[in-house]
Structures are given as structure tokens and as C-alpha cells.
Amino acid sequence: MFWLLTLPFTLVFGLALAVIAAGFGIVALPFLLLLWLPFALLRGAFRLVGALLMIVLALVGVLLLGVVLFVPLVPLLMLGGAIWLLARLLRPRQGMLPAR
């Protein structure tokens, strides 16, 4: 029952303190932004470095995987190239068509 009697005072003082706190918040906002900005830039720099590092590692991994998969196929590719070259050299040449 006592809180019903003190309710108007609580509301008035609460609203007054809220208005005062909002004023301090508006005044303090630029200082908080100046404090926040370097950390945001640092976070962006760390993310950029991490992304570049991941791209480099991914490219190296793909390159190594390609080499690991390609090296066993080199003898087969050389054999296929030799057969192609031999077939090309042994193919009869076609002369020019006679003029009409």
C-alpha cells in the first residue's frame, strides 16, 4: 500500500533522472564514438589480415592437391603425347587440291 502512496513521487523523480541521464548520454556519445572507432578499425584490420591469410592458405592447399593428383598422371600423359606425336608423324600428308 505504501508504494501506491509514493508512486507519483517515484514517477516524477524517475522521469527527471531519465531526462538528466539522456542529456549526459547525448553529451557523452561523441566521446564514446571516439573511443570505439580505433577498436572498430583494429577489428577490421584483423579480419582483413585473417581473410588474406585464409585465401593464401586455400590457394596453397589447392596447388598442393593439384600437384599430388597430377604427378602420378605424368607418365600416362607422356605416353599419350608420344602416341599422338607418332600418329601425327605417320599420317600421310594431304596435298593441295588440283585447280579446276
PDB file of N, CA and C in Angstrom:
ATOM      1  N   MET A   1       0.817  -1.191   0.000  1.00  0.00           N
ATOM      2  CA  MET A   1       0.000   0.000   0.000  1.00  0.00           C
ATOM      3  C   MET A   1       0.865   1.261   0.000  1.00  0.00           C
ATOM      4  N   PHE A   2       2.044   1.153   0.608  1.00  0.00           N
ATOM      5  CA  PHE A   2       2.921   2.316   0.694  1.00  0.00           C
ATOM      6  C   PHE A   2       3.415   2.717  -0.704  1.00  0.00           C
ATOM      7  N   TRP A   3       3.606   1.741  -1.571  1.00  0.00           N
ATOM      8  CA  TRP A   3       4.118   2.056  -2.911  1.00  0.00           C
ATOM      9  C   TRP A   3       3.086   2.822  -3.727  1.00  0.00           C
ATOM     10  N   LEU A   4       1.794   2.616  -3.435  1.00  0.00           N
ATOM     11  CA  LEU A   4       0.768   3.401  -4.115  1.00  0.00           C
ATOM     12  C   LEU A   4       0.827   4.868  -3.696  1.00  0.00           C
ATOM     13  N   LEU A   5       1.167   5.115  -2.434  1.00  0.00           N
ATOM     14  CA  LEU A   5       1.262   6.496  -1.953  1.00  0.00           C
ATOM     15  C   LEU A   5       2.503   7.191  -2.540  1.00  0.00           C
ATOM     16  N   THR A   6       3.573   6.415  -2.727  1.00  0.00           N
ATOM     17  CA  THR A   6       4.819   7.018  -3.227  1.00  0.00           C
ATOM     18  C   THR A   6       4.947   6.927  -4.743  1.00  0.00           C
ATOM     19  N   LEU A   7       3.959   6.370  -5.418  1.00  0.00           N
ATOM     20  CA  LEU A   7       4.033   6.194  -6.870  1.00  0.00           C
ATOM     21  C   LEU A   7       4.197   7.510  -7.618  1.00  0.00           C
ATOM     22  N   PRO A   8       3.454   8.577  -7.328  1.00  0.00           N
ATOM     23  CA  PRO A   8       3.650   9.821  -8.077  1.00  0.00           C
ATOM     24  C   PRO A   8       5.068  10.381  -7.912  1.00  0.00           C
ATOM     25  N   PHE A   9       5.620  10.305  -6.709  1.00  0.00           N
ATOM     26  CA  PHE A   9       6.981  10.802  -6.476  1.00  0.00           C
ATOM     27  C   PHE A   9       7.997   9.940  -7.242  1.00  0.00           C
ATOM     28  N   THR A  10       7.767   8.636  -7.246  1.00  0.00           N
ATOM     29  CA  THR A  10       8.662   7.734  -7.965  1.00  0.00           C
ATOM     30  C   THR A  10       8.635   8.034  -9.466  1.00  0.00           C
ATOM     31  N   LEU A  11       7.446   8.243 -10.011  1.00  0.00           N
ATOM     32  CA  LEU A  11       7.332   8.550 -11.434  1.00  0.00           C
ATOM     33  C   LEU A  11       8.004   9.875 -11.780  1.00  0.00           C
ATOM     34  N   VAL A  12       7.781  10.892 -10.983  1.00  0.00           N
ATOM     35  CA  VAL A  12       8.354  12.217 -11.263  1.00  0.00           C
ATOM     36  C   VAL A  12       9.879  12.158 -11.173  1.00  0.00           C
ATOM     37  N   PHE A  13      10.388  11.591 -10.084  1.00  0.00           N
ATOM     38  CA  PHE A  13      11.841  11.530  -9.927  1.00  0.00           C
ATOM     39  C   PHE A  13      12.478  10.597 -10.971  1.00  0.00           C
ATOM     40  N   GLY A  14      11.794   9.513 -11.312  1.00  0.00           N
ATOM     41  CA  GLY A  14      12.306   8.604 -12.341  1.00  0.00           C
ATOM     42  C   GLY A  14      12.384   9.285 -13.695  1.00  0.00           C
ATOM     43  N   LEU A  15      11.330  10.018 -14.068  1.00  0.00           N
ATOM     44  CA  LEU A  15      11.354  10.732 -15.351  1.00  0.00           C
ATOM     45  C   LEU A  15      12.405  11.835 -15.354  1.00  0.00           C
ATOM     46  N   ALA A  16      12.551  12.542 -14.220  1.00  0.00           N
ATOM     47  CA  ALA A  16      13.562  13.604 -14.149  1.00  0.00           C
ATOM     48  C   ALA A  16      14.969  13.013 -14.288  1.00  0.00           C
ATOM     49  N   LEU A  17      15.211  11.922 -13.608  1.00  0.00           N
ATOM     50  CA  LEU A  17      16.526  11.293 -13.724  1.00  0.00           C
ATOM     51  C   LEU A  17      16.760  10.737 -15.130  1.00  0.00           C
ATOM     52  N   ALA A  18      15.713  10.244 -15.774  1.00  0.00           N
ATOM     53  CA  ALA A  18      15.846   9.733 -17.138  1.00  0.00           C
ATOM     54  C   ALA A  18      16.199  10.865 -18.107  1.00  0.00           C
ATOM     55  N   VAL A  19      15.567  12.041 -17.920  1.00  0.00           N
ATOM     56  CA  VAL A  19      15.875  13.184 -18.788  1.00  0.00           C
ATOM     57  C   VAL A  19      17.316  13.648 -18.556  1.00  0.00           C
ATOM     58  N   ILE A  20      17.747  13.688 -17.305  1.00  0.00           N
ATOM     59  CA  ILE A  20      19.120  14.091 -16.997  1.00  0.00           C
ATOM     60  C   ILE A  20      20.112  13.074 -17.561  1.00  0.00           C
ATOM     61  N   ALA A  21      19.811  11.781 -17.407  1.00  0.00           N
ATOM     62  CA  ALA A  21      20.698  10.742 -17.919  1.00  0.00           C
ATOM     63  C   ALA A  21      20.755  10.797 -19.439  1.00  0.00           C
ATOM     64  N   ALA A  22      19.628  11.084 -20.097  1.00  0.00           N
ATOM     65  CA  ALA A  22      19.628  11.198 -21.548  1.00  0.00           C
ATOM     66  C   ALA A  22      20.495  12.372 -21.992  1.00  0.00           C
ATOM     67  N   GLY A  23      20.441  13.471 -21.263  1.00  0.00           N
ATOM     68  CA  GLY A  23      21.303  14.618 -21.575  1.00  0.00           C
ATOM     69  C   GLY A  23      22.768  14.258 -21.460  1.00  0.00           C
ATOM     70  N   PHE A  24      23.145  13.564 -20.365  1.00  0.00           N
ATOM     71  CA  PHE A  24      24.533  13.128 -20.227  1.00  0.00           C
ATOM     72  C   PHE A  24      24.916  12.138 -21.326  1.00  0.00           C
ATOM     73  N   GLY A  25      23.978  11.297 -21.709  1.00  0.00           N
ATOM     74  CA  GLY A  25      24.251  10.331 -22.780  1.00  0.00           C
ATOM     75  C   GLY A  25      24.487  11.021 -24.108  1.00  0.00           C
ATOM     76  N   ILE A  26      23.687  12.034 -24.400  1.00  0.00           N
ATOM     77  CA  ILE A  26      23.870  12.766 -25.651  1.00  0.00           C
ATOM     78  C   ILE A  26      25.204  13.497 -25.653  1.00  0.00           C
ATOM     79  N   VAL A  27      25.599  14.050 -24.503  1.00  0.00           N
ATOM     80  CA  VAL A  27      26.881  14.744 -24.411  1.00  0.00           C
ATOM     81  C   VAL A  27      28.035  13.746 -24.508  1.00  0.00           C
ATOM     82  N   ALA A  28      27.876  12.568 -23.924  1.00  0.00           N
ATOM     83  CA  ALA A  28      28.958  11.595 -23.878  1.00  0.00           C
ATOM     84  C   ALA A  28      29.075  10.772 -25.160  1.00  0.00           C
ATOM     85  N   LEU A  29      28.056  10.817 -26.022  1.00  0.00           N
ATOM     86  CA  LEU A  29      28.050   9.986 -27.221  1.00  0.00           C
ATOM     87  C   LEU A  29      29.247  10.238 -28.155  1.00  0.00           C
ATOM     88  N   PRO A  30      29.610  11.477 -28.460  1.00  0.00           N
ATOM     89  CA  PRO A  30      30.786  11.673 -29.330  1.00  0.00           C
ATOM     90  C   PRO A  30      32.074  11.118 -28.722  1.00  0.00           C
ATOM     91  N   PHE A  31      32.237  11.244 -27.420  1.00  0.00           N
ATOM     92  CA  PHE A  31      33.430  10.711 -26.775  1.00  0.00           C
ATOM     93  C   PHE A  31      33.446   9.182 -26.835  1.00  0.00           C
ATOM     94  N   LEU A  32      32.282   8.573 -26.693  1.00  0.00           N
ATOM     95  CA  LEU A  32      32.212   7.117 -26.799  1.00  0.00           C
ATOM     96  C   LEU A  32      32.512   6.664 -28.222  1.00  0.00           C
ATOM     97  N   LEU A  33      32.047   7.428 -29.215  1.00  0.00           N
ATOM     98  CA  LEU A  33      32.351   7.079 -30.593  1.00  0.00           C
ATOM     99  C   LEU A  33      33.842   7.213 -30.870  1.00  0.00           C
ATOM    100  N   LEU A  34      34.473   8.257 -30.311  1.00  0.00           N
ATOM    101  CA  LEU A  34      35.914   8.410 -30.492  1.00  0.00           C
ATOM    102  C   LEU A  34      36.680   7.291 -29.809  1.00  0.00           C
ATOM    103  N   LEU A  35      36.148   6.758 -28.733  1.00  0.00           N
ATOM    104  CA  LEU A  35      36.779   5.640 -28.061  1.00  0.00           C
ATOM    105  C   LEU A  35      36.531   4.337 -28.814  1.00  0.00           C
ATOM    106  N   TRP A  36      35.368   4.218 -29.459  1.00  0.00           N
ATOM    107  CA  TRP A  36      35.002   2.990 -30.152  1.00  0.00           C
ATOM    108  C   TRP A  36      35.675   2.869 -31.516  1.00  0.00           C
ATOM    109  N   LEU A  37      35.901   3.980 -32.209  1.00  0.00           N
ATOM    110  CA  LEU A  37      36.395   3.962 -33.584  1.00  0.00           C
ATOM    111  C   LEU A  37      37.739   3.261 -33.754  1.00  0.00           C
ATOM    112  N   PRO A  38      38.758   3.510 -32.932  1.00  0.00           N
ATOM    113  CA  PRO A  38      40.025   2.792 -33.143  1.00  0.00           C
ATOM    114  C   PRO A  38      39.897   1.281 -32.985  1.00  0.00           C
ATOM    115  N   PHE A  39      39.078   0.851 -32.054  1.00  0.00           N
ATOM    116  CA  PHE A  39      38.887  -0.586 -31.862  1.00  0.00           C
ATOM    117  C   PHE A  39      38.135  -1.203 -33.041  1.00  0.00           C
ATOM    118  N   ALA A  40      37.194  -0.457 -33.607  1.00  0.00           N
ATOM    119  CA  ALA A  40      36.486  -0.959 -34.790  1.00  0.00           C
ATOM    120  C   ALA A  40      37.441  -1.065 -35.971  1.00  0.00           C
ATOM    121  N   LEU A  41      38.309  -0.076 -36.142  1.00  0.00           N
ATOM    122  CA  LEU A  41      39.293  -0.139 -37.226  1.00  0.00           C
ATOM    123  C   LEU A  41      40.275  -1.287 -37.011  1.00  0.00           C
ATOM    124  N   LEU A  42      40.680  -1.502 -35.779  1.00  0.00           N
ATOM    125  CA  LEU A  42      41.591  -2.599 -35.471  1.00  0.00           C
ATOM    126  C   LEU A  42      40.926  -3.944 -35.750  1.00  0.00           C
ATOM    127  N   ARG A  43      39.654  -4.066 -35.396  1.00  0.00           N
ATOM    128  CA  ARG A  43      38.926  -5.302 -35.676  1.00  0.00           C
ATOM    129  C   ARG A  43      38.836  -5.541 -37.183  1.00  0.00           C
ATOM    130  N   GLY A  44      38.578  -4.485 -37.957  1.00  0.00           N
ATOM    131  CA  GLY A  44      38.537  -4.614 -39.408  1.00  0.00           C
ATOM    132  C   GLY A  44      39.884  -5.025 -39.987  1.00  0.00           C
ATOM    133  N   ALA A  45      40.961  -4.461 -39.426  1.00  0.00           N
ATOM    134  CA  ALA A  45      42.300  -4.828 -39.904  1.00  0.00           C
ATOM    135  C   ALA A  45      42.592  -6.291 -39.604  1.00  0.00           C
ATOM    136  N   PHE A  46      42.235  -6.752 -38.424  1.00  0.00           N
ATOM    137  CA  PHE A  46      42.452  -8.158 -38.078  1.00  0.00           C
ATOM    138  C   PHE A  46      41.641  -9.079 -38.988  1.00  0.00           C
ATOM    139  N   ARG A  47      40.412  -8.692 -39.288  1.00  0.00           N
ATOM    140  CA  ARG A  47      39.595  -9.505 -40.177  1.00  0.00           C
ATOM    141  C   ARG A  47      40.180  -9.545 -41.583  1.00  0.00           C
ATOM    142  N   LEU A  48      40.698  -8.411 -42.053  1.00  0.00           N
ATOM    143  CA  LEU A  48      41.300  -8.366 -43.378  1.00  0.00           C
ATOM    144  C   LEU A  48      42.549  -9.234 -43.444  1.00  0.00           C
ATOM    145  N   VAL A  49      43.389  -9.156 -42.435  1.00  0.00           N
ATOM    146  CA  VAL A  49      44.599  -9.985 -42.404  1.00  0.00           C
ATOM    147  C   VAL A  49      44.223 -11.466 -42.331  1.00  0.00           C
ATOM    148  N   GLY A  50      43.246 -11.792 -41.523  1.00  0.00           N
ATOM    149  CA  GLY A  50      42.802 -13.180 -41.426  1.00  0.00           C
ATOM    150  C   GLY A  50      42.229 -13.693 -42.739  1.00  0.00           C
ATOM    151  N   ALA A  51      41.450 -12.858 -43.430  1.00  0.00           N
ATOM    152  CA  ALA A  51      40.883 -13.273 -44.710  1.00  0.00           C
ATOM    153  C   ALA A  51      41.984 -13.480 -45.744  1.00  0.00           C
ATOM    154  N   LEU A  52      42.948 -12.576 -45.796  1.00  0.00           N
ATOM    155  CA  LEU A  52      44.050 -12.741 -46.738  1.00  0.00           C
ATOM    156  C   LEU A  52      44.863 -13.990 -46.427  1.00  0.00           C
ATOM    157  N   LEU A  53      45.079 -14.255 -45.163  1.00  0.00           N
ATOM    158  CA  LEU A  53      45.820 -15.455 -44.766  1.00  0.00           C
ATOM    159  C   LEU A  53      45.059 -16.717 -45.162  1.00  0.00           C
ATOM    160  N   MET A  54      43.739 -16.717 -44.977  1.00  0.00           N
ATOM    161  CA  MET A  54      42.946 -17.880 -45.357  1.00  0.00           C
ATOM    162  C   MET A  54      42.944 -18.081 -46.875  1.00  0.00           C
ATOM    163  N   ILE A  55      42.921 -16.983 -47.636  1.00  0.00           N
ATOM    164  CA  ILE A  55      42.959 -17.107 -49.094  1.00  0.00           C
ATOM    165  C   ILE A  55      44.288 -17.705 -49.540  1.00  0.00           C
ATOM    166  N   VAL A  56      45.376 -17.224 -48.951  1.00  0.00           N
ATOM    167  CA  VAL A  56      46.693 -17.754 -49.314  1.00  0.00           C
ATOM    168  C   VAL A  56      46.793 -19.229 -48.951  1.00  0.00           C
ATOM    169  N   LEU A  57      46.347 -19.591 -47.760  1.00  0.00           N
ATOM    170  CA  LEU A  57      46.404 -20.992 -47.345  1.00  0.00           C
ATOM    171  C   LEU A  57      45.529 -21.872 -48.238  1.00  0.00           C
ATOM    172  N   ALA A  58      44.362 -21.368 -48.632  1.00  0.00           N
ATOM    173  CA  ALA A  58      43.489 -22.146 -49.510  1.00  0.00           C
ATOM    174  C   ALA A  58      44.141 -22.341 -50.879  1.00  0.00           C
ATOM    175  N   LEU A  59      44.770 -21.291 -51.409  1.00  0.00           N
ATOM    176  CA  LEU A  59      45.432 -21.425 -52.711  1.00  0.00           C
ATOM    177  C   LEU A  59      46.604 -22.400 -52.645  1.00  0.00           C
ATOM    178  N   VAL A  60      47.371 -22.330 -51.574  1.00  0.00           N
ATOM    179  CA  VAL A  60      48.487 -23.266 -51.416  1.00  0.00           C
ATOM    180  C   VAL A  60      47.956 -24.694 -51.300  1.00  0.00           C
ATOM    181  N   GLY A  61      46.881 -24.880 -50.557  1.00  0.00           N
ATOM    182  CA  GLY A  61      46.287 -26.212 -50.421  1.00  0.00           C
ATOM    183  C   GLY A  61      45.791 -26.756 -51.744  1.00  0.00           C
ATOM    184  N   VAL A  62      45.124 -25.913 -52.533  1.00  0.00           N
ATOM    185  CA  VAL A  62      44.632 -26.347 -53.841  1.00  0.00           C
ATOM    186  C   VAL A  62      45.804 -26.674 -54.761  1.00  0.00           C
ATOM    187  N   LEU A  63      46.861 -25.855 -54.704  1.00  0.00           N
ATOM    188  CA  LEU A  63      48.046 -26.116 -55.518  1.00  0.00           C
ATOM    189  C   LEU A  63      48.698 -27.440 -55.132  1.00  0.00           C
ATOM    190  N   LEU A  64      48.847 -27.674 -53.830  1.00  0.00           N
ATOM    191  CA  LEU A  64      49.446 -28.936 -53.387  1.00  0.00           C
ATOM    192  C   LEU A  64      48.576 -30.127 -53.759  1.00  0.00           C
ATOM    193  N   LEU A  65      47.268 -29.975 -53.628  1.00  0.00           N
ATOM    194  CA  LEU A  65      46.364 -31.057 -54.011  1.00  0.00           C
ATOM    195  C   LEU A  65      46.451 -31.328 -55.507  1.00  0.00           C
ATOM    196  N   GLY A  66      46.548 -30.267 -56.300  1.00  0.00           N
ATOM    197  CA  GLY A  66      46.694 -30.446 -57.741  1.00  0.00           C
ATOM    198  C   GLY A  66      47.990 -31.150 -58.096  1.00  0.00           C
ATOM    199  N   VAL A  67      49.075 -30.785 -57.417  1.00  0.00           N
ATOM    200  CA  VAL A  67      50.351 -31.445 -57.685  1.00  0.00           C
ATOM    201  C   VAL A  67      50.284 -32.906 -57.282  1.00  0.00           C
ATOM    202  N   VAL A  68      49.692 -33.183 -56.138  1.00  0.00           N
ATOM    203  CA  VAL A  68      49.600 -34.572 -55.671  1.00  0.00           C
ATOM    204  C   VAL A  68      48.758 -35.412 -56.629  1.00  0.00           C
ATOM    205  N   LEU A  69      47.711 -34.824 -57.196  1.00  0.00           N
ATOM    206  CA  LEU A  69      46.879 -35.574 -58.129  1.00  0.00           C
ATOM    207  C   LEU A  69      47.492 -35.633 -59.525  1.00  0.00           C
ATOM    208  N   PHE A  70      48.305 -34.634 -59.906  1.00  0.00           N
ATOM    209  CA  PHE A  70      48.834 -34.557 -61.261  1.00  0.00           C
ATOM    210  C   PHE A  70      50.094 -35.386 -61.449  1.00  0.00           C
ATOM    211  N   VAL A  71      50.942 -35.476 -60.442  1.00  0.00           N
ATOM    212  CA  VAL A  71      52.234 -36.151 -60.580  1.00  0.00           C
ATOM    213  C   VAL A  71      52.088 -37.621 -60.982  1.00  0.00           C
ATOM    214  N   PRO A  72      51.171 -38.391 -60.413  1.00  0.00           N
ATOM    215  CA  PRO A  72      51.062 -39.789 -60.862  1.00  0.00           C
ATOM    216  C   PRO A  72      50.578 -39.932 -62.304  1.00  0.00           C
ATOM    217  N   LEU A  73      49.955 -38.899 -62.852  1.00  0.00           N
ATOM    218  CA  LEU A  73      49.449 -38.978 -64.221  1.00  0.00           C
ATOM    219  C   LEU A  73      50.484 -38.570 -65.264  1.00  0.00           C
ATOM    220  N   VAL A  74      51.643 -38.064 -64.848  1.00  0.00           N
ATOM    221  CA  VAL A  74      52.654 -37.593 -65.801  1.00  0.00           C
ATOM    222  C   VAL A  74      53.115 -38.710 -66.745  1.00  0.00           C
ATOM    223  N   PRO A  75      53.418 -39.912 -66.282  1.00  0.00           N
ATOM    224  CA  PRO A  75      53.821 -40.956 -67.248  1.00  0.00           C
ATOM    225  C   PRO A  75      52.730 -41.273 -68.261  1.00  0.00           C
ATOM    226  N   LEU A  76      51.485 -41.300 -67.815  1.00  0.00           N
ATOM    227  CA  LEU A  76      50.395 -41.560 -68.758  1.00  0.00           C
ATOM    228  C   LEU A  76      50.253 -40.426 -69.766  1.00  0.00           C
ATOM    229  N   LEU A  77      50.429 -39.192 -69.320  1.00  0.00           N
ATOM    230  CA  LEU A  77      50.357 -38.057 -70.234  1.00  0.00           C
ATOM    231  C   LEU A  77      51.512 -38.083 -71.231  1.00  0.00           C
ATOM    232  N   MET A  78      52.693 -38.473 -70.776  1.00  0.00           N
ATOM    233  CA  MET A  78      53.832 -38.573 -71.686  1.00  0.00           C
ATOM    234  C   MET A  78      53.608 -39.682 -72.715  1.00  0.00           C
ATOM    235  N   LEU A  79      53.061 -40.803 -72.287  1.00  0.00           N
ATOM    236  CA  LEU A  79      52.766 -41.903 -73.209  1.00  0.00           C
ATOM    237  C   LEU A  79      51.713 -41.474 -74.231  1.00  0.00           C
ATOM    238  N   GLY A  80      50.680 -40.805 -73.758  1.00  0.00           N
ATOM    239  CA  GLY A  80      49.649 -40.317 -74.680  1.00  0.00           C
ATOM    240  C   GLY A  80      50.204 -39.296 -75.652  1.00  0.00           C
ATOM    241  N   GLY A  81      51.088 -38.400 -75.182  1.00  0.00           N
ATOM    242  CA  GLY A  81      51.708 -37.428 -76.079  1.00  0.00           C
ATOM    243  C   GLY A  81      52.601 -38.085 -77.101  1.00  0.00           C
ATOM    244  N   ALA A  82      53.337 -39.123 -76.691  1.00  0.00           N
ATOM    245  CA  ALA A  82      54.201 -39.839 -77.635  1.00  0.00           C
ATOM    246  C   ALA A  82      53.366 -40.543 -78.696  1.00  0.00           C
ATOM    247  N   ILE A  83      52.266 -41.167 -78.300  1.00  0.00           N
ATOM    248  CA  ILE A  83      51.399 -41.848 -79.267  1.00  0.00           C
ATOM    249  C   ILE A  83      50.787 -40.830 -80.232  1.00  0.00           C
ATOM    250  N   TRP A  84      50.360 -39.688 -79.715  1.00  0.00           N
ATOM    251  CA  TRP A  84      49.783 -38.645 -80.569  1.00  0.00           C
ATOM    252  C   TRP A  84      50.819 -38.137 -81.572  1.00  0.00           C
ATOM    253  N   LEU A  85      52.043 -37.890 -81.091  1.00  0.00           N
ATOM    254  CA  LEU A  85      53.100 -37.396 -81.972  1.00  0.00           C
ATOM    255  C   LEU A  85      53.443 -38.431 -83.046  1.00  0.00           C
ATOM    256  N   LEU A  86      53.530 -39.696 -82.654  1.00  0.00           N
ATOM    257  CA  LEU A  86      53.829 -40.764 -83.614  1.00  0.00           C
ATOM    258  C   LEU A  86      52.723 -40.881 -84.660  1.00  0.00           C
ATOM    259  N   ALA A  87      51.466 -40.803 -84.213  1.00  0.00           N
ATOM    260  CA  ALA A  87      50.348 -40.882 -85.153  1.00  0.00           C
ATOM    261  C   ALA A  87      50.342 -39.679 -86.080  1.00  0.00           C
ATOM    262  N   ARG A  88      50.728 -38.534 -85.619  1.00  0.00           N
ATOM    263  CA  ARG A  88      50.748 -37.336 -86.448  1.00  0.00           C
ATOM    264  C   ARG A  88      51.877 -37.404 -87.476  1.00  0.00           C
ATOM    265  N   LEU A  89      53.012 -37.933 -87.030  1.00  0.00           N
ATOM    266  CA  LEU A  89      54.131 -38.033 -87.965  1.00  0.00           C
ATOM    267  C   LEU A  89      53.895 -39.102 -89.028  1.00  0.00           C
ATOM    268  N   LEU A  90      53.206 -40.169 -88.694  1.00  0.00           N
ATOM    269  CA  LEU A  90      52.980 -41.255 -89.638  1.00  0.00           C
ATOM    270  C   LEU A  90      51.761 -41.030 -90.523  1.00  0.00           C
ATOM    271  N   ARG A  91      50.952 -40.045 -90.262  1.00  0.00           N
ATOM    272  CA  ARG A  91      49.772 -39.763 -91.066  1.00  0.00           C
ATOM    273  C   ARG A  91      50.218 -39.205 -92.421  1.00  0.00           C
ATOM    274  N   PRO A  92      49.651 -39.723 -93.481  1.00  0.00           N
ATOM    275  CA  PRO A  92      50.055 -39.191 -94.800  1.00  0.00           C
ATOM    276  C   PRO A  92      49.578 -37.749 -94.956  1.00  0.00           C
ATOM    277  N   ARG A  93      50.448 -36.979 -95.608  1.00  0.00           N
ATOM    278  CA  ARG A  93      50.102 -35.583 -95.816  1.00  0.00           C
ATOM    279  C   ARG A  93      49.138 -35.479 -96.991  1.00  0.00           C
ATOM    280  N   GLN A  94      48.249 -34.548 -96.862  1.00  0.00           N
ATOM    281  CA  GLN A  94      47.315 -34.336 -97.958  1.00  0.00           C
ATOM    282  C   GLN A  94      47.784 -33.149 -98.767  1.00  0.00           C
ATOM    283  N   GLY A  95      47.925 -33.370-100.041  1.00  0.00           N
ATOM    284  CA  GLY A  95      48.381 -32.300-100.906  1.00  0.00           C
ATOM    285  C   GLY A  95      47.274 -31.315-101.194  1.00  0.00           C
ATOM    286  N   MET A  96      47.628 -30.295-101.932  1.00  0.00           N
ATOM    287  CA  MET A  96      46.631 -29.298-102.302  1.00  0.00           C
ATOM    288  C   MET A  96      45.722 -29.875-103.373  1.00  0.00           C
ATOM    289  N   LEU A  97      44.512 -29.430-103.397  1.00  0.00           N
ATOM    290  CA  LEU A  97      43.558 -29.880-104.413  1.00  0.00           C
ATOM    291  C   LEU A  97      43.954 -29.300-105.764  1.00  0.00           C
ATOM    292  N   PRO A  98      43.801 -30.084-106.815  1.00  0.00           N
ATOM    293  CA  PRO A  98      44.147 -29.537-108.149  1.00  0.00           C
ATOM    294  C   PRO A  98      43.196 -28.412-108.540  1.00  0.00           C
ATOM    295  N   ALA A  99      43.734 -27.467-109.243  1.00  0.00           N
ATOM    296  CA  ALA A  99      42.917 -26.325-109.687  1.00  0.00           C
ATOM    297  C   ALA A  99      41.999 -26.778-110.816  1.00  0.00           C
ATOM    298  N   ARG A 100      40.827 -26.245-110.903  1.00  0.00           N
ATOM    299  CA  ARG A 100      39.872 -26.635-111.937  1.00  0.00           C
ATOM    300  C   ARG A 100      39.963 -25.736-113.135  1.00  0.00           C
TER     301      ARG A 100
END
